[in-house]
Amino acid sequence: MKSFTAIIWGLLDQVQSLALSAFTKDRGSFFHNAAAVGRVEVSRTGSRVITFHETGLWTSLDRQTIDFRNIYQWRLSDRDDTIRLTHLRYGTDNPVHLVDFTPLRPDTLQSVQPHICGSDQYSAELGTDGGGILLSWRIRGPSKNDVLNCRYSTEKNTPGHTYEN
């Protein structure tokens, strides 16, 4: 039987689009109950590194929009039991470590430790939903009590959402 880590790893390589939803404590924030859709270009470096090039559009409750671009790198451990997530905002030579995912339950990977950014802590979980991956971030801090949910889809457009770039 395939481990859940192996199932997630196999799906990461097939991702084509994403849909995001944000729930923030700060009602004045652009991201308070905002949603986003986008495309994901996937590239591989060997058998243990997958890079996501994400582009998309955030839309606020009052229909204002902001473009976004992200580059994330997923790395499978040598023992096939942990997946490391880094952000490549400073390039491939200077990755920003976010979290390491390890099995929590048979159908969930959880960050081993939260990512610390200033006084905020970012914890994350990975799960599946049909042909997609669910990534849920919980952000806690003095002025934050936020949730960011991302559904990575293996379809060109996430069902119910379309992003044309």
N, C-alpha and C. Protein backbone atom coordinates (compact mmCIF):
# COMPACT_ATOMS: atom_id res chain seq x y z
N MET A 1 0.85 -1.19 0.00
CA MET A 1 0.00 0.00 0.00
C MET A 1 0.89 1.25 0.00
N LYS A 2 0.54 2.20 -0.83
CA LYS A 2 1.28 3.45 -0.96
C LYS A 2 1.09 4.32 0.28
N SER A 3 2.18 4.92 0.76
CA SER A 3 2.06 5.84 1.89
C SER A 3 1.36 7.12 1.43
N PHE A 4 0.78 7.84 2.38
CA PHE A 4 0.11 9.09 2.03
C PHE A 4 1.11 10.11 1.51
N THR A 5 2.32 10.09 2.04
CA THR A 5 3.37 10.98 1.53
C THR A 5 3.62 10.69 0.05
N ALA A 6 3.66 9.42 -0.33
CA ALA A 6 3.86 9.04 -1.73
C ALA A 6 2.68 9.46 -2.60
N ILE A 7 1.48 9.39 -2.06
CA ILE A 7 0.29 9.82 -2.81
C ILE A 7 0.37 11.32 -3.09
N ILE A 8 0.67 12.11 -2.06
CA ILE A 8 0.82 13.57 -2.23
C ILE A 8 1.92 13.86 -3.23
N TRP A 9 3.07 13.18 -3.09
CA TRP A 9 4.20 13.42 -3.99
C TRP A 9 3.80 13.15 -5.44
N GLY A 10 3.05 12.08 -5.67
CA GLY A 10 2.60 11.76 -7.03
C GLY A 10 1.65 12.79 -7.59
N LEU A 11 0.82 13.38 -6.75
CA LEU A 11 -0.12 14.41 -7.21
C LEU A 11 0.57 15.74 -7.49
N LEU A 12 1.60 16.08 -6.71
CA LEU A 12 2.28 17.37 -6.90
C LEU A 12 2.78 17.54 -8.33
N ASP A 13 3.26 16.48 -8.91
CA ASP A 13 3.80 16.50 -10.27
C ASP A 13 2.74 16.76 -11.33
N GLN A 14 1.46 16.57 -10.96
CA GLN A 14 0.35 16.70 -11.92
C GLN A 14 -0.44 18.00 -11.80
N VAL A 15 -0.10 18.83 -10.83
CA VAL A 15 -0.86 20.05 -10.57
C VAL A 15 -0.78 21.01 -11.76
N GLN A 16 -1.93 21.62 -12.09
CA GLN A 16 -2.00 22.59 -13.19
C GLN A 16 -2.62 23.92 -12.80
N SER A 17 -3.44 23.92 -11.73
CA SER A 17 -4.12 25.16 -11.35
C SER A 17 -4.33 25.19 -9.84
N LEU A 18 -4.76 26.36 -9.37
CA LEU A 18 -5.03 26.50 -7.94
C LEU A 18 -6.19 27.44 -7.70
N ALA A 19 -6.82 27.27 -6.54
CA ALA A 19 -7.85 28.18 -6.06
C ALA A 19 -7.55 28.43 -4.58
N LEU A 20 -7.55 29.69 -4.19
CA LEU A 20 -7.21 30.09 -2.82
C LEU A 20 -8.38 30.82 -2.18
N SER A 21 -8.49 30.66 -0.86
CA SER A 21 -9.44 31.46 -0.10
C SER A 21 -8.75 31.88 1.19
N ALA A 22 -8.95 33.14 1.57
CA ALA A 22 -8.32 33.70 2.77
C ALA A 22 -9.41 34.17 3.73
N PHE A 23 -9.17 33.90 5.00
CA PHE A 23 -10.07 34.35 6.06
C PHE A 23 -9.20 35.03 7.11
N THR A 24 -9.32 36.35 7.21
CA THR A 24 -8.45 37.11 8.11
C THR A 24 -9.24 37.73 9.25
N LYS A 25 -8.54 37.96 10.35
CA LYS A 25 -9.12 38.63 11.52
C LYS A 25 -9.37 40.10 11.21
N ASP A 26 -8.50 40.69 10.41
CA ASP A 26 -8.55 42.11 10.09
C ASP A 26 -9.58 42.37 8.98
N ARG A 27 -10.74 42.85 9.36
CA ARG A 27 -11.82 43.09 8.39
C ARG A 27 -11.46 44.18 7.38
N GLY A 28 -10.48 45.02 7.70
CA GLY A 28 -10.06 46.08 6.79
C GLY A 28 -9.02 45.62 5.78
N SER A 29 -8.53 44.41 5.93
CA SER A 29 -7.51 43.88 5.04
C SER A 29 -8.10 43.53 3.68
N PHE A 30 -7.31 43.75 2.63
CA PHE A 30 -7.71 43.33 1.28
C PHE A 30 -8.05 41.85 1.27
N PHE A 31 -7.30 41.06 2.06
CA PHE A 31 -7.43 39.61 2.03
C PHE A 31 -8.55 39.07 2.92
N HIS A 32 -9.30 39.95 3.61
CA HIS A 32 -10.42 39.49 4.44
C HIS A 32 -11.47 38.83 3.53
N ASN A 33 -11.58 37.55 3.64
CA ASN A 33 -12.52 36.75 2.83
C ASN A 33 -12.28 36.90 1.32
N ALA A 34 -11.04 37.11 0.93
CA ALA A 34 -10.69 37.21 -0.49
C ALA A 34 -10.51 35.82 -1.09
N ALA A 35 -10.54 35.76 -2.41
CA ALA A 35 -10.36 34.50 -3.13
C ALA A 35 -9.42 34.74 -4.31
N ALA A 36 -8.77 33.67 -4.73
CA ALA A 36 -7.85 33.78 -5.87
C ALA A 36 -7.92 32.52 -6.70
N VAL A 37 -7.59 32.69 -7.98
CA VAL A 37 -7.43 31.55 -8.89
C VAL A 37 -6.14 31.76 -9.66
N GLY A 38 -5.58 30.66 -10.13
CA GLY A 38 -4.36 30.80 -10.89
C GLY A 38 -3.91 29.52 -11.56
N ARG A 39 -2.81 29.65 -12.26
CA ARG A 39 -2.17 28.54 -12.97
C ARG A 39 -0.90 28.14 -12.25
N VAL A 40 -0.53 26.89 -12.44
CA VAL A 40 0.71 26.38 -11.87
C VAL A 40 1.49 25.68 -12.97
N GLU A 41 2.69 26.17 -13.21
CA GLU A 41 3.63 25.49 -14.12
C GLU A 41 4.55 24.66 -13.24
N VAL A 42 4.64 23.37 -13.52
CA VAL A 42 5.42 22.46 -12.70
C VAL A 42 6.69 22.05 -13.44
N SER A 43 7.82 22.09 -12.73
CA SER A 43 9.06 21.57 -13.30
C SER A 43 9.70 20.64 -12.28
N ARG A 44 10.50 19.70 -12.79
CA ARG A 44 11.17 18.71 -11.94
C ARG A 44 12.67 18.85 -12.07
N THR A 45 13.34 18.61 -10.94
CA THR A 45 14.80 18.50 -10.94
C THR A 45 15.09 17.14 -10.31
N GLY A 46 15.39 16.15 -11.11
CA GLY A 46 15.57 14.80 -10.59
C GLY A 46 14.26 14.23 -10.11
N SER A 47 14.34 13.22 -9.27
CA SER A 47 13.13 12.55 -8.79
C SER A 47 12.63 13.08 -7.46
N ARG A 48 13.39 14.00 -6.82
CA ARG A 48 13.03 14.44 -5.47
C ARG A 48 12.76 15.93 -5.32
N VAL A 49 12.73 16.67 -6.43
CA VAL A 49 12.48 18.12 -6.35
C VAL A 49 11.44 18.51 -7.40
N ILE A 50 10.39 19.17 -6.94
CA ILE A 50 9.34 19.69 -7.82
C ILE A 50 9.20 21.18 -7.53
N THR A 51 9.17 21.99 -8.58
CA THR A 51 9.04 23.44 -8.43
C THR A 51 7.72 23.90 -9.05
N PHE A 52 7.00 24.72 -8.30
CA PHE A 52 5.75 25.33 -8.76
C PHE A 52 6.02 26.78 -9.11
N HIS A 53 5.63 27.20 -10.30
CA HIS A 53 5.62 28.60 -10.71
C HIS A 53 4.14 28.99 -10.78
N GLU A 54 3.69 29.74 -9.79
CA GLU A 54 2.28 30.10 -9.68
C GLU A 54 2.05 31.53 -10.16
N THR A 55 0.99 31.72 -10.93
CA THR A 55 0.53 33.05 -11.32
C THR A 55 -0.98 33.07 -11.19
N GLY A 56 -1.51 34.21 -10.75
CA GLY A 56 -2.96 34.26 -10.60
C GLY A 56 -3.45 35.63 -10.22
N LEU A 57 -4.69 35.65 -9.75
CA LEU A 57 -5.38 36.89 -9.45
C LEU A 57 -6.18 36.74 -8.17
N TRP A 58 -5.86 37.59 -7.18
CA TRP A 58 -6.66 37.68 -5.96
C TRP A 58 -7.82 38.64 -6.21
N THR A 59 -8.99 38.34 -5.67
CA THR A 59 -10.15 39.23 -5.76
C THR A 59 -10.71 39.43 -4.36
N SER A 60 -10.86 40.70 -3.96
CA SER A 60 -11.38 41.02 -2.62
C SER A 60 -12.91 40.97 -2.63
N LEU A 61 -13.48 41.13 -1.44
CA LEU A 61 -14.95 41.13 -1.32
C LEU A 61 -15.59 42.23 -2.17
N ASP A 62 -14.90 43.38 -2.28
CA ASP A 62 -15.46 44.48 -3.07
C ASP A 62 -14.97 44.48 -4.52
N ARG A 63 -14.47 43.33 -4.96
CA ARG A 63 -14.09 43.07 -6.37
C ARG A 63 -12.81 43.77 -6.83
N GLN A 64 -12.00 44.28 -5.90
CA GLN A 64 -10.68 44.77 -6.28
C GLN A 64 -9.80 43.56 -6.55
N THR A 65 -8.81 43.73 -7.43
CA THR A 65 -7.96 42.59 -7.78
C THR A 65 -6.48 42.93 -7.63
N ILE A 66 -5.71 41.88 -7.36
CA ILE A 66 -4.25 41.98 -7.28
C ILE A 66 -3.67 40.73 -7.94
N ASP A 67 -2.73 40.94 -8.87
CA ASP A 67 -2.01 39.81 -9.47
C ASP A 67 -1.04 39.24 -8.45
N PHE A 68 -0.77 37.93 -8.56
CA PHE A 68 0.27 37.35 -7.71
C PHE A 68 1.14 36.39 -8.51
N ARG A 69 2.36 36.23 -8.03
CA ARG A 69 3.34 35.29 -8.58
C ARG A 69 4.11 34.71 -7.41
N ASN A 70 4.27 33.40 -7.41
CA ASN A 70 5.04 32.71 -6.38
C ASN A 70 5.84 31.59 -7.01
N ILE A 71 6.96 31.28 -6.41
CA ILE A 71 7.73 30.11 -6.82
C ILE A 71 8.00 29.30 -5.56
N TYR A 72 7.46 28.10 -5.52
CA TYR A 72 7.63 27.20 -4.39
C TYR A 72 8.38 25.96 -4.84
N GLN A 73 9.18 25.42 -3.93
CA GLN A 73 9.89 24.19 -4.22
C GLN A 73 9.50 23.14 -3.18
N TRP A 74 9.15 21.97 -3.67
CA TRP A 74 8.79 20.83 -2.84
C TRP A 74 9.93 19.81 -2.97
N ARG A 75 10.40 19.29 -1.84
CA ARG A 75 11.52 18.35 -1.87
C ARG A 75 11.17 17.12 -1.02
N LEU A 76 11.26 15.94 -1.63
CA LEU A 76 11.00 14.68 -0.94
C LEU A 76 12.27 14.21 -0.24
N SER A 77 12.14 13.83 1.03
CA SER A 77 13.30 13.38 1.80
C SER A 77 13.85 12.07 1.25
N ASP A 78 15.08 11.77 1.58
CA ASP A 78 15.72 10.53 1.13
C ASP A 78 14.99 9.29 1.62
N ARG A 79 14.31 9.41 2.75
CA ARG A 79 13.56 8.26 3.29
C ARG A 79 12.12 8.21 2.79
N ASP A 80 11.73 9.15 1.93
CA ASP A 80 10.38 9.22 1.36
C ASP A 80 9.28 9.45 2.39
N ASP A 81 9.62 10.01 3.57
CA ASP A 81 8.61 10.18 4.59
C ASP A 81 8.28 11.63 4.91
N THR A 82 9.06 12.57 4.39
CA THR A 82 8.88 13.99 4.67
C THR A 82 8.96 14.78 3.36
N ILE A 83 8.13 15.81 3.26
CA ILE A 83 8.19 16.72 2.12
C ILE A 83 8.49 18.11 2.66
N ARG A 84 9.57 18.72 2.16
CA ARG A 84 9.97 20.07 2.57
C ARG A 84 9.41 21.07 1.57
N LEU A 85 8.85 22.16 2.09
CA LEU A 85 8.33 23.24 1.24
C LEU A 85 9.16 24.49 1.49
N THR A 86 9.70 25.07 0.40
CA THR A 86 10.45 26.32 0.48
C THR A 86 9.87 27.31 -0.52
N HIS A 87 10.09 28.58 -0.24
CA HIS A 87 9.69 29.65 -1.15
C HIS A 87 10.97 30.15 -1.82
N LEU A 88 10.91 30.38 -3.12
CA LEU A 88 12.10 30.81 -3.86
C LEU A 88 12.04 32.29 -4.22
N ARG A 89 11.49 33.11 -3.34
CA ARG A 89 11.37 34.55 -3.62
C ARG A 89 12.72 35.22 -3.81
N TYR A 90 13.79 34.64 -3.23
CA TYR A 90 15.13 35.20 -3.39
C TYR A 90 15.98 34.37 -4.34
N GLY A 91 15.36 33.51 -5.12
CA GLY A 91 16.08 32.69 -6.10
C GLY A 91 16.39 31.30 -5.57
N THR A 92 16.81 30.44 -6.48
CA THR A 92 17.08 29.05 -6.12
C THR A 92 18.27 28.89 -5.19
N ASP A 93 19.19 29.85 -5.19
CA ASP A 93 20.35 29.76 -4.31
C ASP A 93 20.06 30.24 -2.89
N ASN A 94 18.91 30.87 -2.68
CA ASN A 94 18.54 31.40 -1.36
C ASN A 94 17.10 31.03 -1.00
N PRO A 95 16.78 29.74 -0.92
CA PRO A 95 15.41 29.36 -0.59
C PRO A 95 15.04 29.75 0.84
N VAL A 96 13.77 30.09 1.04
CA VAL A 96 13.25 30.39 2.37
C VAL A 96 12.50 29.15 2.83
N HIS A 97 13.03 28.48 3.86
CA HIS A 97 12.38 27.28 4.37
C HIS A 97 11.06 27.66 5.02
N LEU A 98 10.00 27.01 4.60
CA LEU A 98 8.69 27.25 5.20
C LEU A 98 8.37 26.16 6.21
N VAL A 99 8.14 24.94 5.73
CA VAL A 99 7.79 23.84 6.64
C VAL A 99 8.26 22.51 6.07
N ASP A 100 8.34 21.52 6.96
CA ASP A 100 8.53 20.12 6.59
C ASP A 100 7.23 19.40 6.95
N PHE A 101 6.68 18.69 5.97
CA PHE A 101 5.44 17.94 6.21
C PHE A 101 5.75 16.49 6.52
N THR A 102 5.10 15.96 7.55
CA THR A 102 5.25 14.57 7.94
C THR A 102 3.85 14.01 8.23
N PRO A 103 3.65 12.70 8.14
CA PRO A 103 2.31 12.14 8.38
C PRO A 103 1.78 12.44 9.78
N LEU A 104 0.53 12.87 9.83
CA LEU A 104 -0.18 13.11 11.09
C LEU A 104 -1.22 12.01 11.28
N ARG A 105 -2.00 11.77 10.22
CA ARG A 105 -3.01 10.72 10.18
C ARG A 105 -2.84 10.01 8.84
N PRO A 106 -3.52 8.92 8.62
CA PRO A 106 -3.36 8.21 7.34
C PRO A 106 -3.69 9.06 6.11
N ASP A 107 -4.46 10.17 6.29
CA ASP A 107 -4.85 11.00 5.15
C ASP A 107 -4.41 12.45 5.28
N THR A 108 -3.43 12.72 6.15
CA THR A 108 -3.01 14.11 6.39
C THR A 108 -1.51 14.18 6.67
N LEU A 109 -0.86 15.16 6.04
CA LEU A 109 0.51 15.53 6.40
C LEU A 109 0.44 16.87 7.13
N GLN A 110 1.25 17.01 8.16
CA GLN A 110 1.24 18.24 8.95
C GLN A 110 2.65 18.79 9.08
N SER A 111 2.74 20.12 9.18
CA SER A 111 4.06 20.74 9.39
C SER A 111 4.62 20.27 10.74
N VAL A 112 5.90 19.90 10.72
CA VAL A 112 6.56 19.43 11.94
C VAL A 112 6.66 20.56 12.94
N GLN A 113 7.06 21.73 12.47
CA GLN A 113 7.15 22.94 13.28
C GLN A 113 6.57 24.08 12.47
N PRO A 114 6.03 25.10 13.14
CA PRO A 114 5.53 26.25 12.38
C PRO A 114 6.67 27.06 11.78
N HIS A 115 6.37 27.72 10.69
CA HIS A 115 7.30 28.71 10.11
C HIS A 115 7.11 29.99 10.91
N ILE A 116 8.21 30.58 11.35
CA ILE A 116 8.16 31.81 12.13
C ILE A 116 8.51 32.98 11.22
N CYS A 117 7.64 33.98 11.19
CA CYS A 117 7.88 35.20 10.42
C CYS A 117 7.55 36.36 11.35
N GLY A 118 8.60 37.02 11.85
CA GLY A 118 8.39 38.07 12.85
C GLY A 118 7.78 37.44 14.09
N SER A 119 6.63 37.95 14.53
CA SER A 119 5.97 37.37 15.70
C SER A 119 4.81 36.46 15.31
N ASP A 120 4.73 36.12 14.02
CA ASP A 120 3.66 35.25 13.52
C ASP A 120 4.16 33.83 13.31
N GLN A 121 3.26 32.87 13.54
CA GLN A 121 3.56 31.46 13.32
C GLN A 121 2.63 30.91 12.24
N TYR A 122 3.24 30.24 11.25
CA TYR A 122 2.50 29.65 10.14
C TYR A 122 2.58 28.13 10.24
N SER A 123 1.45 27.47 10.50
CA SER A 123 1.38 26.01 10.54
C SER A 123 0.57 25.56 9.32
N ALA A 124 0.86 24.36 8.83
CA ALA A 124 0.19 23.91 7.61
C ALA A 124 -0.14 22.43 7.65
N GLU A 125 -1.18 22.07 6.88
CA GLU A 125 -1.57 20.67 6.68
C GLU A 125 -1.79 20.44 5.20
N LEU A 126 -1.48 19.22 4.76
CA LEU A 126 -1.74 18.79 3.38
C LEU A 126 -2.69 17.60 3.41
N GLY A 127 -3.67 17.63 2.52
CA GLY A 127 -4.60 16.51 2.36
C GLY A 127 -4.97 16.39 0.90
N THR A 128 -5.90 15.51 0.60
CA THR A 128 -6.36 15.35 -0.78
C THR A 128 -7.86 15.54 -0.86
N ASP A 129 -8.30 15.76 -2.08
CA ASP A 129 -9.73 15.92 -2.35
C ASP A 129 -9.92 15.52 -3.81
N GLY A 130 -10.29 14.28 -4.05
CA GLY A 130 -10.45 13.80 -5.42
C GLY A 130 -9.15 13.92 -6.17
N GLY A 131 -9.11 14.71 -7.23
CA GLY A 131 -7.90 14.87 -8.03
C GLY A 131 -7.08 16.06 -7.62
N GLY A 132 -7.18 16.48 -6.37
CA GLY A 132 -6.45 17.66 -5.96
C GLY A 132 -5.78 17.50 -4.62
N ILE A 133 -4.97 18.51 -4.30
CA ILE A 133 -4.27 18.60 -3.02
C ILE A 133 -4.81 19.81 -2.27
N LEU A 134 -5.09 19.62 -1.00
CA LEU A 134 -5.53 20.72 -0.16
C LEU A 134 -4.39 21.13 0.75
N LEU A 135 -4.02 22.39 0.69
CA LEU A 135 -2.99 22.96 1.57
C LEU A 135 -3.67 24.02 2.42
N SER A 136 -3.65 23.82 3.73
CA SER A 136 -4.30 24.75 4.64
C SER A 136 -3.27 25.35 5.58
N TRP A 137 -3.18 26.68 5.58
CA TRP A 137 -2.27 27.41 6.46
C TRP A 137 -3.08 28.03 7.59
N ARG A 138 -2.55 27.96 8.81
CA ARG A 138 -3.11 28.66 9.96
C ARG A 138 -2.04 29.66 10.40
N ILE A 139 -2.40 30.93 10.44
CA ILE A 139 -1.44 31.98 10.80
C ILE A 139 -1.89 32.60 12.12
N ARG A 140 -1.02 32.52 13.12
CA ARG A 140 -1.33 33.04 14.45
C ARG A 140 -0.26 34.05 14.86
N GLY A 141 -0.71 35.14 15.47
CA GLY A 141 0.21 36.15 15.96
C GLY A 141 -0.55 37.20 16.73
N PRO A 142 0.15 38.22 17.21
CA PRO A 142 -0.49 39.26 18.01
C PRO A 142 -1.68 39.92 17.30
N SER A 143 -1.57 40.11 16.00
CA SER A 143 -2.67 40.75 15.27
C SER A 143 -3.23 39.84 14.19
N LYS A 144 -2.87 38.55 14.23
CA LYS A 144 -3.34 37.63 13.20
C LYS A 144 -3.99 36.40 13.80
N ASN A 145 -5.06 36.00 13.17
CA ASN A 145 -5.73 34.75 13.45
C ASN A 145 -6.37 34.37 12.12
N ASP A 146 -5.52 33.99 11.16
CA ASP A 146 -5.95 33.85 9.78
C ASP A 146 -5.86 32.41 9.29
N VAL A 147 -6.62 32.14 8.24
CA VAL A 147 -6.60 30.84 7.57
C VAL A 147 -6.47 31.10 6.07
N LEU A 148 -5.57 30.37 5.44
CA LEU A 148 -5.41 30.45 3.99
C LEU A 148 -5.53 29.03 3.46
N ASN A 149 -6.54 28.79 2.65
CA ASN A 149 -6.75 27.47 2.06
C ASN A 149 -6.44 27.51 0.58
N CYS A 150 -5.69 26.52 0.13
CA CYS A 150 -5.33 26.41 -1.28
C CYS A 150 -5.70 25.03 -1.77
N ARG A 151 -6.41 24.98 -2.88
CA ARG A 151 -6.69 23.70 -3.54
C ARG A 151 -5.91 23.67 -4.84
N TYR A 152 -4.92 22.78 -4.89
CA TYR A 152 -4.16 22.55 -6.12
C TYR A 152 -4.90 21.49 -6.91
N SER A 153 -5.20 21.78 -8.16
CA SER A 153 -5.95 20.86 -9.00
C SER A 153 -5.07 20.27 -10.11
N THR A 154 -5.36 19.04 -10.47
CA THR A 154 -4.66 18.40 -11.58
C THR A 154 -5.33 18.75 -12.91
N GLU A 155 -6.39 19.55 -12.85
CA GLU A 155 -7.07 20.02 -14.06
C GLU A 155 -6.55 21.41 -14.42
N LYS A 156 -6.68 21.77 -15.71
CA LYS A 156 -6.17 23.06 -16.18
C LYS A 156 -6.81 24.22 -15.42
N ASN A 157 -8.09 24.16 -15.20
CA ASN A 157 -8.79 25.16 -14.40
C ASN A 157 -9.46 24.44 -13.25
N THR A 158 -9.28 24.96 -12.05
CA THR A 158 -9.92 24.39 -10.91
C THR A 158 -11.43 24.45 -11.12
N PRO A 159 -12.16 23.35 -10.87
CA PRO A 159 -13.61 23.35 -11.11
C PRO A 159 -14.29 24.56 -10.47
N GLY A 160 -15.08 25.26 -11.28
CA GLY A 160 -15.79 26.44 -10.82
C GLY A 160 -14.97 27.72 -10.88
N HIS A 161 -13.70 27.62 -11.27
CA HIS A 161 -12.81 28.78 -11.31
C HIS A 161 -12.01 28.76 -12.60
N THR A 162 -11.83 29.91 -13.20
CA THR A 162 -11.03 30.01 -14.41
C THR A 162 -10.09 31.20 -14.27
N TYR A 163 -8.86 30.99 -14.69
CA TYR A 163 -7.89 32.08 -14.70
C TYR A 163 -7.24 32.08 -16.06
N GLU A 164 -7.33 33.19 -16.76
CA GLU A 164 -6.69 33.32 -18.07
C GLU A 164 -5.55 34.31 -17.92
N ASN A 165 -4.37 33.90 -18.28
CA ASN A 165 -3.19 34.76 -18.15
C ASN A 165 -2.77 35.24 -19.51
